[in-house]
Amino acid sequence: MSKKREIILLIILLLILISINYPWLDSLVVKEFSGKEEAKVVRVIDGDTFEMVYNGNKTSVRLLGINTPEKGEFFYAEAKQFTESLVLNKTVELEFGKDKYDLYHRLLAYVYLNDKNVNEEIINNGFANFYFPEGKDRHYDDFKSTWEECLNKNINLCEKSKDICAECIKIKEWNIKGDFVIFENACSFDCDVSSWSVKDEGRKKFVFGKLVLKGSEEIKLTAEDFKKDYVWTKTGDTLFLRDEDGRLVLWKGY
């Protein structure tokens, strides 16, 4: 057989393969060029962390771009249950960021199931805030927009506080370089902010003790109040103020 005939025959075979099994071929191409890898989820630890079988080994993965409530916080159990409903015992695809592992040797990944970004779905349903401690990547704008859509739905972590003082407590000054924030009561009446909390995108949190802010009174919080060396991440962060029931009073990011 001549070289020319071999090439023609090969082209014909490829066309036949494409026509009878295009989905398989398309899936193969996507897998090879998307940079994603597969893993099976075998246990959900909390809303943003689960255990899976990856490359034949059991390992943990921490979802990138989000932060869900810790044990003892509002919506911890609900966030865990929601993540279980999405991924438990399912094969997912992993998209890694600039660092593949964290300090605890957990994989860091965006997780996809049926072409849906699981991380973003958790935000969309009000069980996580967006979280980019290493700097904003290509998912930041989408995740922030999804958070804002969640606020419009007014559900779970996105639910607006019903406290009358939610309209009174404002940020008077937020100094990132100086690592402090000043809140003020912009109303003329007293506001009881006992057990309200201030939190960054991650795990840094301050809870007010018994405190009543009089009209026009201010309060300043520093890193020392949080019992941390620093609070606000210089590459970008968000402040969340919540009432004693965990409902959102205000949020502001940079």
Foldseek 3Di string as FASTA:
>chain_A
DDPVVVVVVVVVVVVVCCVVPVVVVVVVVCVVPVQKDKWAFAAQPWLFKGWTQGPNDIAMEGEAFKEFDDPPDFCGVVSSVVSCVVGHRHMWIWDADPDQADPVRHGYTFIGDPNDGSRLVSLLQAGIATDDLPADDPCNVVSNVSNVNSLVVCDHLNPADPDPQLVFKDWPDDDQVQQKTKIFGQDQAKDFQAQKKKAKRYDQIAGHHGDIHHHGRMDMDGVVRSVHPHGARPNKMKIFIAGNVSHTSDMDID
